[in-house]
PDB file of N, CA and C in Angstrom:
ATOM      1  N   MET A   1      63.896  90.720  87.497  1.00  0.00           N
ATOM      2  CA  MET A   1      64.209  89.946  88.504  1.00  0.00           C
ATOM      3  C   MET A   1      63.407  89.962  89.636  1.00  0.00           C
ATOM      4  N   SER A   2      63.256  88.762  90.217  1.00  0.00           N
ATOM      5  CA  SER A   2      62.279  88.665  91.416  1.00  0.00           C
ATOM      6  C   SER A   2      62.754  87.673  92.427  1.00  0.00           C
ATOM      7  N   GLY A   3      62.275  87.739  93.706  1.00  0.00           N
ATOM      8  CA  GLY A   3      62.721  86.901  94.709  1.00  0.00           C
ATOM      9  C   GLY A   3      64.229  87.000  94.970  1.00  0.00           C
ATOM     10  N   ARG A   4      64.753  85.783  94.873  1.00  0.00           N
ATOM     11  CA  ARG A   4      66.230  85.486  95.225  1.00  0.00           C
ATOM     12  C   ARG A   4      67.128  85.869  94.003  1.00  0.00           C
ATOM     13  N   GLU A   5      66.558  86.097  92.929  1.00  0.00           N
ATOM     14  CA  GLU A   5      67.492  86.269  91.742  1.00  0.00           C
ATOM     15  C   GLU A   5      68.346  87.550  91.902  1.00  0.00           C
ATOM     16  N   PRO A   6      67.847  88.667  92.498  1.00  0.00           N
ATOM     17  CA  PRO A   6      68.794  89.661  92.668  1.00  0.00           C
ATOM     18  C   PRO A   6      70.069  89.355  93.633  1.00  0.00           C
ATOM     19  N   PHE A   7      69.700  88.477  94.621  1.00  0.00           N
ATOM     20  CA  PHE A   7      70.888  88.225  95.503  1.00  0.00           C
ATOM     21  C   PHE A   7      71.853  87.291  94.687  1.00  0.00           C
ATOM     22  N   LYS A   8      71.397  86.347  93.901  1.00  0.00           N
ATOM     23  CA  LYS A   8      72.275  85.514  93.251  1.00  0.00           C
ATOM     24  C   LYS A   8      73.044  86.429  92.183  1.00  0.00           C
ATOM     25  N   TYR A   9      72.579  87.214  91.511  1.00  0.00           N
ATOM     26  CA  TYR A   9      72.950  88.226  90.452  1.00  0.00           C
ATOM     27  C   TYR A   9      74.265  89.054  91.117  1.00  0.00           C
ATOM     28  N   TYR A  10      73.927  89.764  92.284  1.00  0.00           N
ATOM     29  CA  TYR A  10      74.982  90.482  92.843  1.00  0.00           C
ATOM     30  C   TYR A  10      76.132  89.818  93.434  1.00  0.00           C
ATOM     31  N   PHE A  11      75.620  88.462  94.042  1.00  0.00           N
ATOM     32  CA  PHE A  11      76.715  87.625  94.754  1.00  0.00           C
ATOM     33  C   PHE A  11      77.661  87.209  93.642  1.00  0.00           C
ATOM     34  N   PHE A  12      76.997  86.717  92.305  1.00  0.00           N
ATOM     35  CA  PHE A  12      77.965  86.412  91.343  1.00  0.00           C
ATOM     36  C   PHE A  12      78.898  87.438  90.843  1.00  0.00           C
ATOM     37  N   LEU A  13      78.391  88.600  90.801  1.00  0.00           N
ATOM     38  CA  LEU A  13      79.211  89.784  90.284  1.00  0.00           C
ATOM     39  C   LEU A  13      80.178  90.326  91.302  1.00  0.00           C
ATOM     40  N   HIS A  14      79.925  90.226  92.629  1.00  0.00           N
ATOM     41  CA  HIS A  14      80.803  90.964  93.634  1.00  0.00           C
ATOM     42  C   HIS A  14      81.507  90.262  94.835  1.00  0.00           C
ATOM     43  N   PHE A  15      80.989  88.984  94.922  1.00  0.00           N
ATOM     44  CA  PHE A  15      81.631  88.223  96.094  1.00  0.00           C
ATOM     45  C   PHE A  15      83.071  88.035  96.103  1.00  0.00           C
ATOM     46  N   GLU A  16      83.386  87.548  94.909  1.00  0.00           N
ATOM     47  CA  GLU A  16      84.913  87.191  94.775  1.00  0.00           C
ATOM     48  C   GLU A  16      85.906  88.262  94.892  1.00  0.00           C
ATOM     49  N   TRP A  17      85.676  89.329  94.167  1.00  0.00           N
ATOM     50  CA  TRP A  17      86.475  90.501  94.146  1.00  0.00           C
ATOM     51  C   TRP A  17      86.604  90.989  95.674  1.00  0.00           C
ATOM     52  N   ILE A  18      85.414  91.084  96.260  1.00  0.00           N
ATOM     53  CA  ILE A  18      85.318  91.570  97.661  1.00  0.00           C
ATOM     54  C   ILE A  18      86.111  90.790  98.522  1.00  0.00           C
ATOM     55  N   ALA A  19      85.944  89.291  98.531  1.00  0.00           N
ATOM     56  CA  ALA A  19      86.619  88.526  99.396  1.00  0.00           C
ATOM     57  C   ALA A  19      88.036  88.533  99.086  1.00  0.00           C
ATOM     58  N   LEU A  20      88.606  88.772  97.861  1.00  0.00           N
ATOM     59  CA  LEU A  20      90.083  88.900  97.625  1.00  0.00           C
ATOM     60  C   LEU A  20      90.709  90.069  98.057  1.00  0.00           C
ATOM     61  N   ILE A  21      89.894  91.248  98.026  1.00  0.00           N
ATOM     62  CA  ILE A  21      90.432  92.548  98.554  1.00  0.00           C
ATOM     63  C   ILE A  21      90.470  92.431  99.971  1.00  0.00           C
ATOM     64  N   SER A  22      89.439  91.848 100.654  1.00  0.00           N
ATOM     65  CA  SER A  22      89.423  91.691 102.166  1.00  0.00           C
ATOM     66  C   SER A  22      90.576  90.744 102.713  1.00  0.00           C
ATOM     67  N   GLY A  23      90.755  89.659 101.982  1.00  0.00           N
ATOM     68  CA  GLY A  23      91.857  88.849 102.443  1.00  0.00           C
ATOM     69  C   GLY A  23      93.350  89.509 102.246  1.00  0.00           C
ATOM     70  N   LEU A  24      93.306  90.264 101.215  1.00  0.00           N
ATOM     71  CA  LEU A  24      94.690  90.946 100.873  1.00  0.00           C
ATOM     72  C   LEU A  24      94.906  92.014 102.046  1.00  0.00           C
ATOM     73  N   LEU A  25      93.815  92.777 102.244  1.00  0.00           N
ATOM     74  CA  LEU A  25      93.928  93.974 103.197  1.00  0.00           C
ATOM     75  C   LEU A  25      94.066  93.282 104.617  1.00  0.00           C
ATOM     76  N   LEU A  26      93.495  92.195 105.018  1.00  0.00           N
ATOM     77  CA  LEU A  26      93.796  91.557 106.238  1.00  0.00           C
ATOM     78  C   LEU A  26      95.262  91.072 106.429  1.00  0.00           C
ATOM     79  N   MET A  27      95.844  90.516 105.270  1.00  0.00           N
ATOM     80  CA  MET A  27      97.149  90.151 105.410  1.00  0.00           C
ATOM     81  C   MET A  27      98.002  91.275 105.494  1.00  0.00           C
ATOM     82  N   ALA A  28      97.759  92.374 104.835  1.00  0.00           N
ATOM     83  CA  ALA A  28      98.669  93.545 104.773  1.00  0.00           C
ATOM     84  C   ALA A  28      98.615  94.253 106.123  1.00  0.00           C
ATOM     85  N   PHE A  29      97.551  94.147 106.813  1.00  0.00           N
ATOM     86  CA  PHE A  29      97.548  94.722 108.136  1.00  0.00           C
ATOM     87  C   PHE A  29      97.828  93.765 109.309  1.00  0.00           C
ATOM     88  N   LEU A  30      98.430  92.618 109.027  1.00  0.00           N
ATOM     89  CA  LEU A  30      98.820  91.522 109.900  1.00  0.00           C
ATOM     90  C   LEU A  30     100.025  92.064 110.457  1.00  0.00           C
ATOM     91  N   ASP A  31     100.199  91.907 111.746  1.00  0.00           N
ATOM     92  CA  ASP A  31     101.585  92.048 112.479  1.00  0.00           C
ATOM     93  C   ASP A  31     102.454  90.970 112.108  1.00  0.00           C
ATOM     94  N   PRO A  32     103.499  91.272 111.323  1.00  0.00           N
ATOM     95  CA  PRO A  32     104.467  90.229 110.790  1.00  0.00           C
ATOM     96  C   PRO A  32     105.528  89.825 112.023  1.00  0.00           C
ATOM     97  N   PHE A  33     105.524  90.662 113.136  1.00  0.00           N
ATOM     98  CA  PHE A  33     106.423  90.405 114.105  1.00  0.00           C
ATOM     99  C   PHE A  33     105.559  89.562 115.285  1.00  0.00           C
ATOM    100  N   SER A  34     104.514  89.366 114.889  1.00  0.00           N
ATOM    101  CA  SER A  34     103.741  88.556 116.068  1.00  0.00           C
ATOM    102  C   SER A  34     104.164  87.222 116.290  1.00  0.00           C
ATOM    103  N   GLN A  35     104.152  86.753 117.416  1.00  0.00           N
ATOM    104  CA  GLN A  35     104.696  85.319 117.711  1.00  0.00           C
ATOM    105  C   GLN A  35     103.485  84.527 118.192  1.00  0.00           C
ATOM    106  N   ALA A  36     102.233  85.028 117.696  1.00  0.00           N
ATOM    107  CA  ALA A  36     100.899  84.222 117.976  1.00  0.00           C
ATOM    108  C   ALA A  36     100.943  82.729 117.426  1.00  0.00           C
ATOM    109  N   PRO A  37     100.314  81.832 117.974  1.00  0.00           N
ATOM    110  CA  PRO A  37     100.417  80.489 117.557  1.00  0.00           C
ATOM    111  C   PRO A  37      99.866  80.393 115.899  1.00  0.00           C
ATOM    112  N   SER A  38     100.246  79.536 115.133  1.00  0.00           N
ATOM    113  CA  SER A  38      99.988  79.354 113.822  1.00  0.00           C
ATOM    114  C   SER A  38      98.420  78.781 113.749  1.00  0.00           C
ATOM    115  N   ILE A  39      97.771  79.103 112.750  1.00  0.00           N
ATOM    116  CA  ILE A  39      96.416  78.576 112.509  1.00  0.00           C
ATOM    117  C   ILE A  39      96.502  77.530 111.390  1.00  0.00           C
ATOM    118  N   CYS A  40      97.710  77.395 110.874  1.00  0.00           N
ATOM    119  CA  CYS A  40      97.868  76.575 109.783  1.00  0.00           C
ATOM    120  C   CYS A  40      97.648  74.937 110.142  1.00  0.00           C
ATOM    121  N   PRO A  41      96.732  74.341 109.437  1.00  0.00           N
ATOM    122  CA  PRO A  41      96.283  72.970 109.787  1.00  0.00           C
ATOM    123  C   PRO A  41      97.468  72.116 109.686  1.00  0.00           C
ATOM    124  N   ILE A  42      98.329  72.293 108.523  1.00  0.00           N
ATOM    125  CA  ILE A  42      99.333  71.286 108.389  1.00  0.00           C
ATOM    126  C   ILE A  42     100.470  71.551 109.455  1.00  0.00           C
ATOM    127  N   ASP A  43     100.605  72.740 109.860  1.00  0.00           N
ATOM    128  CA  ASP A  43     101.639  72.949 111.064  1.00  0.00           C
ATOM    129  C   ASP A  43     101.026  72.358 112.431  1.00  0.00           C
ATOM    130  N   ARG A  44      99.648  72.492 112.515  1.00  0.00           N
ATOM    131  CA  ARG A  44      99.017  71.864 113.699  1.00  0.00           C
ATOM    132  C   ARG A  44      99.129  70.277 113.638  1.00  0.00           C
ATOM    133  N   LEU A  45      99.105  69.772 112.598  1.00  0.00           N
ATOM    134  CA  LEU A  45      99.329  68.310 112.618  1.00  0.00           C
ATOM    135  C   LEU A  45     100.725  67.861 112.729  1.00  0.00           C
ATOM    136  N   GLY A  46     101.786  68.728 112.894  1.00  0.00           N
ATOM    137  CA  GLY A  46     102.951  68.537 113.269  1.00  0.00           C
ATOM    138  C   GLY A  46     103.937  68.333 112.232  1.00  0.00           C
ATOM    139  N   PHE A  47     103.594  68.566 111.011  1.00  0.00           N
ATOM    140  CA  PHE A  47     104.600  68.630 109.860  1.00  0.00           C
ATOM    141  C   PHE A  47     105.563  69.801 109.958  1.00  0.00           C
ATOM    142  N   ASP A  48     106.810  69.505 109.456  1.00  0.00           N
ATOM    143  CA  ASP A  48     107.689  70.630 109.577  1.00  0.00           C
ATOM    144  C   ASP A  48     107.678  71.656 108.410  1.00  0.00           C
ATOM    145  N   PHE A  49     107.157  71.148 107.277  1.00  0.00           N
ATOM    146  CA  PHE A  49     107.186  71.983 106.009  1.00  0.00           C
ATOM    147  C   PHE A  49     105.524  72.133 105.521  1.00  0.00           C
ATOM    148  N   CYS A  50     105.443  73.388 105.476  1.00  0.00           N
ATOM    149  CA  CYS A  50     104.099  73.767 104.612  1.00  0.00           C
ATOM    150  C   CYS A  50     104.493  74.861 103.596  1.00  0.00           C
ATOM    151  N   PRO A  51     103.884  74.458 102.444  1.00  0.00           N
ATOM    152  CA  PRO A  51     104.353  75.417 101.351  1.00  0.00           C
ATOM    153  C   PRO A  51     103.585  76.807 101.396  1.00  0.00           C
ATOM    154  N   GLY A  52     102.676  76.896 102.291  1.00  0.00           N
ATOM    155  CA  GLY A  52     101.902  78.236 102.380  1.00  0.00           C
ATOM    156  C   GLY A  52     102.255  78.966 103.708  1.00  0.00           C
ATOM    157  N   CYS A  53     103.019  78.411 104.481  1.00  0.00           N
ATOM    158  CA  CYS A  53     103.295  79.201 105.820  1.00  0.00           C
ATOM    159  C   CYS A  53     104.361  80.282 105.604  1.00  0.00           C
ATOM    160  N   GLY A  54     104.063  81.548 106.051  1.00  0.00           N
ATOM    161  CA  GLY A  54     104.860  82.639 105.751  1.00  0.00           C
ATOM    162  C   GLY A  54     104.425  83.454 104.740  1.00  0.00           C
ATOM    163  N   LEU A  55     103.359  83.052 104.063  1.00  0.00           N
ATOM    164  CA  LEU A  55     102.806  83.839 102.891  1.00  0.00           C
ATOM    165  C   LEU A  55     102.106  85.096 103.373  1.00  0.00           C
ATOM    166  N   GLY A  56     101.260  84.955 104.460  1.00  0.00           N
ATOM    167  CA  GLY A  56     100.682  86.236 105.152  1.00  0.00           C
ATOM    168  C   GLY A  56     101.697  87.088 105.650  1.00  0.00           C
ATOM    169  N   LYS A  57     102.814  86.658 106.410  1.00  0.00           N
ATOM    170  CA  LYS A  57     103.780  87.523 106.881  1.00  0.00           C
ATOM    171  C   LYS A  57     104.354  88.151 105.675  1.00  0.00           C
ATOM    172  N   SER A  58     104.726  87.468 104.614  1.00  0.00           N
ATOM    173  CA  SER A  58     105.474  88.015 103.547  1.00  0.00           C
ATOM    174  C   SER A  58     104.608  89.162 102.937  1.00  0.00           C
ATOM    175  N   ILE A  59     103.230  89.046 102.680  1.00  0.00           N
ATOM    176  CA  ILE A  59     102.448  90.067 102.335  1.00  0.00           C
ATOM    177  C   ILE A  59     102.501  91.288 103.195  1.00  0.00           C
ATOM    178  N   ALA A  60     102.401  90.960 104.431  1.00  0.00           N
ATOM    179  CA  ALA A  60     102.408  92.073 105.564  1.00  0.00           C
ATOM    180  C   ALA A  60     103.778  92.872 105.373  1.00  0.00           C
ATOM    181  N   PHE A  61     104.896  92.163 105.305  1.00  0.00           N
ATOM    182  CA  PHE A  61     106.141  92.867 104.975  1.00  0.00           C
ATOM    183  C   PHE A  61     106.200  93.673 103.799  1.00  0.00           C
ATOM    184  N   ALA A  62     105.688  93.066 102.678  1.00  0.00           N
ATOM    185  CA  ALA A  62     105.537  93.873 101.281  1.00  0.00           C
ATOM    186  C   ALA A  62     104.760  95.057 101.407  1.00  0.00           C
ATOM    187  N   ALA A  63     103.612  95.093 102.287  1.00  0.00           N
ATOM    188  CA  ALA A  63     102.773  96.075 102.371  1.00  0.00           C
ATOM    189  C   ALA A  63     103.431  97.263 103.334  1.00  0.00           C
ATOM    190  N   ARG A  64     104.561  96.922 103.912  1.00  0.00           N
ATOM    191  CA  ARG A  64     105.230  97.925 104.812  1.00  0.00           C
ATOM    192  C   ARG A  64     106.427  98.432 103.912  1.00  0.00           C
ATOM    193  N   GLY A  65     106.605  97.799 102.723  1.00  0.00           N
ATOM    194  CA  GLY A  65     107.819  98.271 102.015  1.00  0.00           C
ATOM    195  C   GLY A  65     109.076  97.462 102.222  1.00  0.00           C
ATOM    196  N   ASN A  66     108.955  96.550 103.249  1.00  0.00           N
ATOM    197  CA  ASN A  66     110.243  95.625 103.576  1.00  0.00           C
ATOM    198  C   ASN A  66     110.316  94.379 102.665  1.00  0.00           C
ATOM    199  N   LEU A  67     110.848  94.630 101.430  1.00  0.00           N
ATOM    200  CA  LEU A  67     110.691  93.619 100.468  1.00  0.00           C
ATOM    201  C   LEU A  67     111.808  92.557 100.765  1.00  0.00           C
ATOM    202  N   SER A  68     112.839  92.796 101.321  1.00  0.00           N
ATOM    203  CA  SER A  68     113.892  91.820 101.566  1.00  0.00           C
ATOM    204  C   SER A  68     113.326  90.837 102.595  1.00  0.00           C
ATOM    205  N   ALA A  69     112.602  91.419 103.719  1.00  0.00           N
ATOM    206  CA  ALA A  69     111.994  90.424 104.791  1.00  0.00           C
ATOM    207  C   ALA A  69     110.878  89.788 104.129  1.00  0.00           C
ATOM    208  N   SER A  70     110.157  90.347 103.187  1.00  0.00           N
ATOM    209  CA  SER A  70     109.004  89.762 102.494  1.00  0.00           C
ATOM    210  C   SER A  70     109.517  88.465 101.729  1.00  0.00           C
ATOM    211  N   PHE A  71     110.684  88.612 100.935  1.00  0.00           N
ATOM    212  CA  PHE A  71     111.155  87.445 100.290  1.00  0.00           C
ATOM    213  C   PHE A  71     111.847  86.280 101.332  1.00  0.00           C
ATOM    214  N   GLN A  72     112.237  86.887 102.389  1.00  0.00           N
ATOM    215  CA  GLN A  72     112.789  85.856 103.363  1.00  0.00           C
ATOM    216  C   GLN A  72     111.691  85.062 103.994  1.00  0.00           C
ATOM    217  N   SER A  73     110.583  85.751 104.428  1.00  0.00           N
ATOM    218  CA  SER A  73     109.447  85.163 104.896  1.00  0.00           C
ATOM    219  C   SER A  73     108.744  84.039 103.946  1.00  0.00           C
ATOM    220  N   HIS A  74     108.620  84.337 102.766  1.00  0.00           N
ATOM    221  CA  HIS A  74     108.078  83.490 101.733  1.00  0.00           C
ATOM    222  C   HIS A  74     108.471  84.030 100.292  1.00  0.00           C
ATOM    223  N   PRO A  75     109.243  83.263  99.585  1.00  0.00           N
ATOM    224  CA  PRO A  75     109.878  83.783  98.264  1.00  0.00           C
ATOM    225  C   PRO A  75     108.585  84.071  97.151  1.00  0.00           C
ATOM    226  N   LEU A  76     107.568  83.529  97.332  1.00  0.00           N
ATOM    227  CA  LEU A  76     106.418  83.927  96.499  1.00  0.00           C
ATOM    228  C   LEU A  76     105.343  84.889  97.021  1.00  0.00           C
ATOM    229  N   GLY A  77     105.741  85.515  98.020  1.00  0.00           N
ATOM    230  CA  GLY A  77     104.797  86.461  98.473  1.00  0.00           C
ATOM    231  C   GLY A  77     104.437  87.653  97.652  1.00  0.00           C
ATOM    232  N   LEU A  78     105.465  88.140  96.884  1.00  0.00           N
ATOM    233  CA  LEU A  78     105.092  89.207  96.129  1.00  0.00           C
ATOM    234  C   LEU A  78     104.412  88.753  94.634  1.00  0.00           C
ATOM    235  N   PHE A  79     104.727  87.603  94.276  1.00  0.00           N
ATOM    236  CA  PHE A  79     104.040  87.040  93.241  1.00  0.00           C
ATOM    237  C   PHE A  79     102.669  86.742  93.621  1.00  0.00           C
ATOM    238  N   ALA A  80     102.492  86.410  94.816  1.00  0.00           N
ATOM    239  CA  ALA A  80     100.976  85.989  95.303  1.00  0.00           C
ATOM    240  C   ALA A  80     100.248  87.401  95.166  1.00  0.00           C
ATOM    241  N   ILE A  81     100.837  88.458  95.681  1.00  0.00           N
ATOM    242  CA  ILE A  81     100.062  89.877  95.475  1.00  0.00           C
ATOM    243  C   ILE A  81      99.702  90.185  94.054  1.00  0.00           C
ATOM    244  N   LEU A  82     100.790  89.865  93.192  1.00  0.00           N
ATOM    245  CA  LEU A  82     100.485  90.284  91.793  1.00  0.00           C
ATOM    246  C   LEU A  82      99.406  89.277  91.199  1.00  0.00           C
ATOM    247  N   ILE A  83      99.374  88.129  91.596  1.00  0.00           N
ATOM    248  CA  ILE A  83      98.257  87.115  91.037  1.00  0.00           C
ATOM    249  C   ILE A  83      96.889  87.424  91.562  1.00  0.00           C
ATOM    250  N   ILE A  84      96.920  87.874  92.976  1.00  0.00           N
ATOM    251  CA  ILE A  84      95.556  88.433  93.504  1.00  0.00           C
ATOM    252  C   ILE A  84      95.076  89.705  92.846  1.00  0.00           C
ATOM    253  N   LEU A  85      95.945  90.652  92.649  1.00  0.00           N
ATOM    254  CA  LEU A  85      95.607  92.029  91.993  1.00  0.00           C
ATOM    255  C   LEU A  85      95.162  91.527  90.688  1.00  0.00           C
ATOM    256  N   ALA A  86      95.906  90.754  89.908  1.00  0.00           N
ATOM    257  CA  ALA A  86      95.517  90.464  88.421  1.00  0.00           C
ATOM    258  C   ALA A  86      93.992  89.758  88.316  1.00  0.00           C
ATOM    259  N   ARG A  87      93.825  88.954  89.371  1.00  0.00           N
ATOM    260  CA  ARG A  87      92.496  88.270  89.560  1.00  0.00           C
ATOM    261  C   ARG A  87      91.406  89.297  89.919  1.00  0.00           C
ATOM    262  N   ILE A  88      91.641  90.239  90.569  1.00  0.00           N
ATOM    263  CA  ILE A  88      90.621  91.153  91.010  1.00  0.00           C
ATOM    264  C   ILE A  88      90.317  91.990  89.737  1.00  0.00           C
ATOM    265  N   GLY A  89      91.535  92.355  88.918  1.00  0.00           N
ATOM    266  CA  GLY A  89      91.320  93.261  87.702  1.00  0.00           C
ATOM    267  C   GLY A  89      90.407  92.382  86.666  1.00  0.00           C
ATOM    268  N   SER A  90      90.818  90.992  86.514  1.00  0.00           N
ATOM    269  CA  SER A  90      89.980  90.412  85.664  1.00  0.00           C
ATOM    270  C   SER A  90      88.550  90.251  85.928  1.00  0.00           C
ATOM    271  N   ILE A  91      88.126  90.156  87.297  1.00  0.00           N
ATOM    272  CA  ILE A  91      86.792  90.110  87.806  1.00  0.00           C
ATOM    273  C   ILE A  91      86.077  91.317  87.526  1.00  0.00           C
ATOM    274  N   LEU A  92      86.836  92.451  87.734  1.00  0.00           N
ATOM    275  CA  LEU A  92      86.199  93.774  87.594  1.00  0.00           C
ATOM    276  C   LEU A  92      85.959  94.093  86.002  1.00  0.00           C
ATOM    277  N   ARG A  93      86.985  93.647  85.372  1.00  0.00           N
ATOM    278  CA  ARG A  93      86.762  93.726  83.731  1.00  0.00           C
ATOM    279  C   ARG A  93      85.569  92.924  83.325  1.00  0.00           C
ATOM    280  N   ARG A  94      85.483  91.653  83.790  1.00  0.00           N
ATOM    281  CA  ARG A  94      84.293  90.840  83.501  1.00  0.00           C
ATOM    282  C   ARG A  94      83.064  91.390  83.815  1.00  0.00           C
ATOM    283  N   ASN A  95      82.888  92.134  85.081  1.00  0.00           N
ATOM    284  CA  ASN A  95      81.760  92.754  85.652  1.00  0.00           C
ATOM    285  C   ASN A  95      81.370  93.828  84.683  1.00  0.00           C
ATOM    286  N   TYR A  96      82.244  94.647  84.274  1.00  0.00           N
ATOM    287  CA  TYR A  96      82.159  95.842  83.309  1.00  0.00           C
ATOM    288  C   TYR A  96      81.497  95.197  81.967  1.00  0.00           C
ATOM    289  N   GLU A  97      82.236  94.228  81.492  1.00  0.00           N
ATOM    290  CA  GLU A  97      81.724  93.795  80.202  1.00  0.00           C
ATOM    291  C   GLU A  97      80.222  93.107  80.401  1.00  0.00           C
ATOM    292  N   PHE A  98      79.987  92.584  81.487  1.00  0.00           N
ATOM    293  CA  PHE A  98      78.785  91.871  81.670  1.00  0.00           C
ATOM    294  C   PHE A  98      77.644  92.964  81.822  1.00  0.00           C
ATOM    295  N   LYS A  99      77.950  94.193  82.436  1.00  0.00           N
ATOM    296  CA  LYS A  99      77.088  95.097  82.716  1.00  0.00           C
ATOM    297  C   LYS A  99      76.822  95.796  81.414  1.00  0.00           C
ATOM    298  N   ARG A 100      77.830  95.975  80.596  1.00  0.00           N
ATOM    299  CA  ARG A 100      77.755  96.674  79.303  1.00  0.00           C
ATOM    300  C   ARG A 100      76.900  95.910  78.291  1.00  0.00           C
ATOM    301  N   THR A 101      77.218  94.477  78.307  1.00  0.00           N
ATOM    302  CA  THR A 101      76.361  93.668  77.439  1.00  0.00           C
ATOM    303  C   THR A 101      74.953  93.551  77.945  1.00  0.00           C
ATOM    304  N   GLU A 102      74.727  93.626  79.062  1.00  0.00           N
ATOM    305  CA  GLU A 102      73.405  93.699  79.636  1.00  0.00           C
ATOM    306  C   GLU A 102      72.528  94.987  79.359  1.00  0.00           C
ATOM    307  N   LYS A 103      73.300  96.069  79.278  1.00  0.00           N
ATOM    308  CA  LYS A 103      72.676  97.472  79.079  1.00  0.00           C
ATOM    309  C   LYS A 103      72.244  97.361  77.525  1.00  0.00           C
ATOM    310  N   ASN A 104      73.327  96.940  76.566  1.00  0.00           N
ATOM    311  CA  ASN A 104      73.004  96.885  75.246  1.00  0.00           C
ATOM    312  C   ASN A 104      71.881  95.906  75.018  1.00  0.00           C
ATOM    313  N   GLU A 105      71.674  94.910  75.568  1.00  0.00           N
ATOM    314  CA  GLU A 105      70.589  93.701  75.459  1.00  0.00           C
ATOM    315  C   GLU A 105      69.199  94.626  75.739  1.00  0.00           C
ATOM    316  N   GLU A 106      69.251  95.460  76.787  1.00  0.00           N
ATOM    317  CA  GLU A 106      68.024  96.121  77.156  1.00  0.00           C
ATOM    318  C   GLU A 106      67.588  97.211  76.232  1.00  0.00           C
ATOM    319  N   ASN A 107      68.660  97.814  75.479  1.00  0.00           N
ATOM    320  CA  ASN A 107      68.238  98.845  74.597  1.00  0.00           C
ATOM    321  C   ASN A 107      67.917  98.190  73.237  1.00  0.00           C
ATOM    322  N   ILE A 108      68.180  96.859  73.054  1.00  0.00           N
ATOM    323  CA  ILE A 108      67.523  96.387  71.726  1.00  0.00           C
ATOM    324  C   ILE A 108      66.040  95.993  71.815  1.00  0.00           C
TER     325      ILE A 108
END
């Protein structure tokens, strides 16, 4: 590997799972009781319904163990956590297999 190749290699292996964990942690530490203005572009445009609004609060409530409030904020919040964790697991499994295959190719 030379030049920019190592950066592309490590970016490919690690960027997505780090971004997903970071997003999940940021939503988990979000204050669900905050009355701060929404950053949702659909809400900002004046629409009353946004399918994603409340998802961050739902994850924040779930991280605090308040599952009923989580479900009331957004019914798919717990499902979103499971999907994100499953995706992180699949990326880490892919990375493990990729590294194992790479090691086997070096030994040949």
